[in-house]
Structure formats: structure tokens, C-alpha cells
C-alpha atoms as a PDB file:
ATOM      1  CA  MET A   1       0.000   0.000   0.000  1.00  0.00           C
ATOM      2  CA  MET A   2       2.858   2.373   0.843  1.00  0.00           C
ATOM      3  CA  LYS A   3       4.510   1.628  -2.503  1.00  0.00           C
ATOM      4  CA  LEU A   4       1.306   2.518  -4.396  1.00  0.00           C
ATOM      5  CA  ARG A   5       1.030   5.857  -2.602  1.00  0.00           C
ATOM      6  CA  SER A   6       4.628   6.725  -3.382  1.00  0.00           C
ATOM      7  CA  VAL A   7       4.107   5.847  -7.050  1.00  0.00           C
ATOM      8  CA  LEU A   8       0.943   7.963  -7.231  1.00  0.00           C
ATOM      9  CA  LYS A   9       2.863  10.917  -5.773  1.00  0.00           C
ATOM     10  CA  ILE A  10       5.557  10.592  -8.444  1.00  0.00           C
ATOM     11  CA  ILE A  11       3.179  10.484 -11.441  1.00  0.00           C
ATOM     12  CA  GLU A  12       2.871  13.787 -13.279  1.00  0.00           C
ATOM     13  CA  TRP A  13      -0.890  13.888 -13.839  1.00  0.00           C
ATOM     14  CA  GLU A  14      -0.654  16.852 -16.201  1.00  0.00           C
ATOM     15  CA  ALA A  15       1.413  14.711 -18.582  1.00  0.00           C
ATOM     16  CA  VAL A  16      -1.175  11.939 -18.365  1.00  0.00           C
ATOM     17  CA  LEU A  17      -3.996  14.351 -19.258  1.00  0.00           C
ATOM     18  CA  TRP A  18      -2.104  15.881 -22.197  1.00  0.00           C
ATOM     19  CA  LEU A  19      -1.195  12.408 -23.473  1.00  0.00           C
ATOM     20  CA  VAL A  20      -4.793  11.172 -23.203  1.00  0.00           C
ATOM     21  CA  GLY A  21      -5.936  14.253 -25.130  1.00  0.00           C
ATOM     22  CA  LEU A  22      -3.423  13.688 -27.924  1.00  0.00           C
ATOM     23  CA  ILE A  23      -4.341   9.995 -28.130  1.00  0.00           C
ATOM     24  CA  TYR A  24      -8.028  10.951 -28.342  1.00  0.00           C
ATOM     25  CA  LEU A  25      -7.262  13.311 -31.243  1.00  0.00           C
ATOM     26  CA  LEU A  26      -5.415  10.489 -32.979  1.00  0.00           C
ATOM     27  CA  PHE A  27      -8.582   8.395 -33.150  1.00  0.00           C
ATOM     28  CA  ILE A  28     -11.258  10.985 -34.020  1.00  0.00           C
ATOM     29  CA  ASN A  29     -12.381  11.573 -37.589  1.00  0.00           C
ATOM     30  CA  PRO A  30     -11.563  15.209 -38.393  1.00  0.00           C
ATOM     31  CA  TYR A  31     -13.568  14.997 -41.637  1.00  0.00           C
ATOM     32  CA  ALA A  32     -16.858  14.412 -39.792  1.00  0.00           C
ATOM     33  CA  SER A  33     -19.137  17.438 -39.788  1.00  0.00           C
ATOM     34  CA  GLN A  34     -20.449  16.874 -36.245  1.00  0.00           C
ATOM     35  CA  HIS A  35     -17.997  16.259 -33.435  1.00  0.00           C
ATOM     36  CA  PHE A  36     -17.965  16.313 -29.644  1.00  0.00           C
ATOM     37  CA  THR A  37     -16.752  19.589 -28.137  1.00  0.00           C
ATOM     38  CA  LEU A  38     -16.008  20.866 -24.660  1.00  0.00           C
ATOM     39  CA  CYS A  39     -15.930  24.490 -25.845  1.00  0.00           C
ATOM     40  CA  PRO A  40     -18.326  26.566 -23.720  1.00  0.00           C
ATOM     41  CA  PHE A  41     -18.645  29.175 -26.500  1.00  0.00           C
ATOM     42  CA  ASP A  42     -19.670  26.565 -29.081  1.00  0.00           C
ATOM     43  CA  ASN A  43     -22.085  24.927 -26.648  1.00  0.00           C
ATOM     44  CA  LEU A  44     -23.714  28.334 -26.039  1.00  0.00           C
ATOM     45  CA  GLY A  45     -24.069  28.935 -29.789  1.00  0.00           C
ATOM     46  CA  ILE A  46     -21.337  31.571 -30.045  1.00  0.00           C
ATOM     47  CA  THR A  47     -19.581  30.936 -33.343  1.00  0.00           C
ATOM     48  CA  PHE A  48     -16.260  32.678 -32.695  1.00  0.00           C
ATOM     49  CA  CYS A  49     -13.717  31.103 -30.374  1.00  0.00           C
ATOM     50  CA  PRO A  50      -9.974  31.572 -30.861  1.00  0.00           C
ATOM     51  CA  GLY A  51      -9.246  28.065 -29.566  1.00  0.00           C
ATOM     52  CA  CYS A  52     -11.841  26.150 -31.565  1.00  0.00           C
ATOM     53  CA  GLY A  53     -10.327  24.130 -34.330  1.00  0.00           C
ATOM     54  CA  LEU A  54      -7.072  23.349 -32.526  1.00  0.00           C
ATOM     55  CA  GLY A  55      -8.112  19.776 -31.840  1.00  0.00           C
ATOM     56  CA  ARG A  56      -9.346  19.191 -35.381  1.00  0.00           C
ATOM     57  CA  SER A  57      -6.192  20.825 -36.713  1.00  0.00           C
ATOM     58  CA  ILE A  58      -4.041  18.421 -34.695  1.00  0.00           C
ATOM     59  CA  SER A  59      -6.209  15.530 -35.868  1.00  0.00           C
ATOM     60  CA  PHE A  60      -5.737  16.592 -39.507  1.00  0.00           C
ATOM     61  CA  PHE A  61      -1.994  16.804 -38.791  1.00  0.00           C
ATOM     62  CA  TYR A  62      -2.073  13.206 -37.499  1.00  0.00           C
ATOM     63  CA  GLN A  63      -3.792  12.164 -40.739  1.00  0.00           C
ATOM     64  CA  GLY A  64      -1.006  13.840 -42.744  1.00  0.00           C
ATOM     65  CA  ASP A  65      -3.372  16.443 -44.207  1.00  0.00           C
ATOM     66  CA  LEU A  66      -1.266  19.543 -43.600  1.00  0.00           C
ATOM     67  CA  ILE A  67      -3.388  21.831 -45.808  1.00  0.00           C
ATOM     68  CA  HIS A  68      -6.595  21.140 -43.845  1.00  0.00           C
ATOM     69  CA  SER A  69      -4.642  21.326 -40.595  1.00  0.00           C
ATOM     70  CA  ILE A  70      -3.420  24.832 -41.364  1.00  0.00           C
ATOM     71  CA  LYS A  71      -6.797  25.949 -42.745  1.00  0.00           C
ATOM     72  CA  THR A  72      -8.659  24.651 -39.683  1.00  0.00           C
ATOM     73  CA  HIS A  73      -6.359  26.498 -37.263  1.00  0.00           C
ATOM     74  CA  PRO A  74      -2.989  27.967 -38.242  1.00  0.00           C
ATOM     75  CA  LEU A  75      -1.522  27.279 -34.795  1.00  0.00           C
ATOM     76  CA  GLY A  76      -2.559  23.613 -34.589  1.00  0.00           C
ATOM     77  CA  ILE A  77       0.808  22.167 -35.595  1.00  0.00           C
ATOM     78  CA  ILE A  78       2.618  24.574 -33.263  1.00  0.00           C
ATOM     79  CA  ALA A  79       0.236  23.610 -30.430  1.00  0.00           C
ATOM     80  CA  PHE A  80       0.982  19.934 -31.101  1.00  0.00           C
ATOM     81  CA  GLY A  81       4.709  20.653 -30.860  1.00  0.00           C
ATOM     82  CA  LEU A  82       4.355  22.652 -27.635  1.00  0.00           C
ATOM     83  CA  ILE A  83       2.155  20.000 -26.015  1.00  0.00           C
ATOM     84  CA  SER A  84       4.633  17.295 -27.028  1.00  0.00           C
ATOM     85  CA  ILE A  85       7.535  19.269 -25.537  1.00  0.00           C
ATOM     86  CA  ARG A  86       5.523  19.774 -22.332  1.00  0.00           C
ATOM     87  CA  ILE A  87       4.815  16.038 -22.067  1.00  0.00           C
ATOM     88  CA  ILE A  88       8.509  15.217 -22.580  1.00  0.00           C
ATOM     89  CA  ARG A  89       9.570  17.703 -19.878  1.00  0.00           C
ATOM     90  CA  LEU A  90       7.017  16.328 -17.429  1.00  0.00           C
ATOM     91  CA  VAL A  91       8.123  12.748 -18.102  1.00  0.00           C
ATOM     92  CA  ILE A  92      11.756  13.739 -17.498  1.00  0.00           C
ATOM     93  CA  LYS A  93      10.686  15.422 -14.250  1.00  0.00           C
ATOM     94  CA  MET A  94       8.771  12.290 -13.278  1.00  0.00           C
ATOM     95  CA  ILE A  95      11.818  10.090 -13.933  1.00  0.00           C
ATOM     96  CA  ASN A  96      14.010  12.399 -11.854  1.00  0.00           C
ATOM     97  CA  ASN A  97      11.464  12.360  -9.006  1.00  0.00           C
ATOM     98  CA  TYR A  98      11.385   8.571  -9.164  1.00  0.00           C
ATOM     99  CA  HIS A  99      15.153   8.341  -8.839  1.00  0.00           C
ATOM    100  CA  LYS A 100      15.147  10.810  -5.945  1.00  0.00           C
ATOM    101  CA  SER A 101      12.445   8.885  -4.093  1.00  0.00           C
ATOM    102  CA  GLU A 102      14.281   5.638  -4.760  1.00  0.00           C
ATOM    103  CA  GLU A 103      17.417   7.104  -3.154  1.00  0.00           C
ATOM    104  CA  VAL A 104      15.400   8.178  -0.105  1.00  0.00           C
ATOM    105  CA  LEU A 105      13.701   4.787   0.267  1.00  0.00           C
ATOM    106  CA  TYR A 106      16.721   2.561  -0.350  1.00  0.00           C
ATOM    107  CA  GLY A 107      19.626   4.795   0.668  1.00  0.00           C
END
């Protein structure tokens, strides 16, 4: 039980959430006209939102359709790169925290 708690403290949950989001975008169909959205503006019927289209843009990027990716949202590919860098940094931090906790536990 103690080992599980120490592992849960080491996990970088932000990295897990970003990774789950990117995996979700890998499996959606960006060509579908109707798609699930968490955008409060879109759900209220407001048509303009500066962030809308980022997910579809990343999904088009995954499909290799760079033209649609850029047309959907010009910052989609950059957002993908920044999110990927953030995940990598968090994983490195998690590995370092694991090694530090291992030193504390085992001397």
C-alpha cells in the first residue's frame, strides 16, 4: 500500500492528461461534420472562439493532411509541438522524481 502511494505521488498527472488528449485526437475523424466539443462558447451557440479548431487541426496533422490542418487552425501544428515538448519535460521530471524517491527509500 505504501509503494502505491509513493508511485501515485511521483506520477505527473498533467502529462497523463495531455497524453490522453493527444491519443483521443489520434482516433477521431476530423472529416466528420459533427464532433464532440467541450468548448463553452460553441455549446452556447457563439460561433467565434480563438481556440476552436485546434483539436481538429491536430487531428488533420495526425492524418497527414497539412493543408486542412493549417486551414482549420494555423496554430494547430505549433500547439501539437508545444504539447509534445511539455509532455517530454514532465516525463523527465517524473523520472528524476522517481530516482530521488528511490534514493530516499533505499539509501
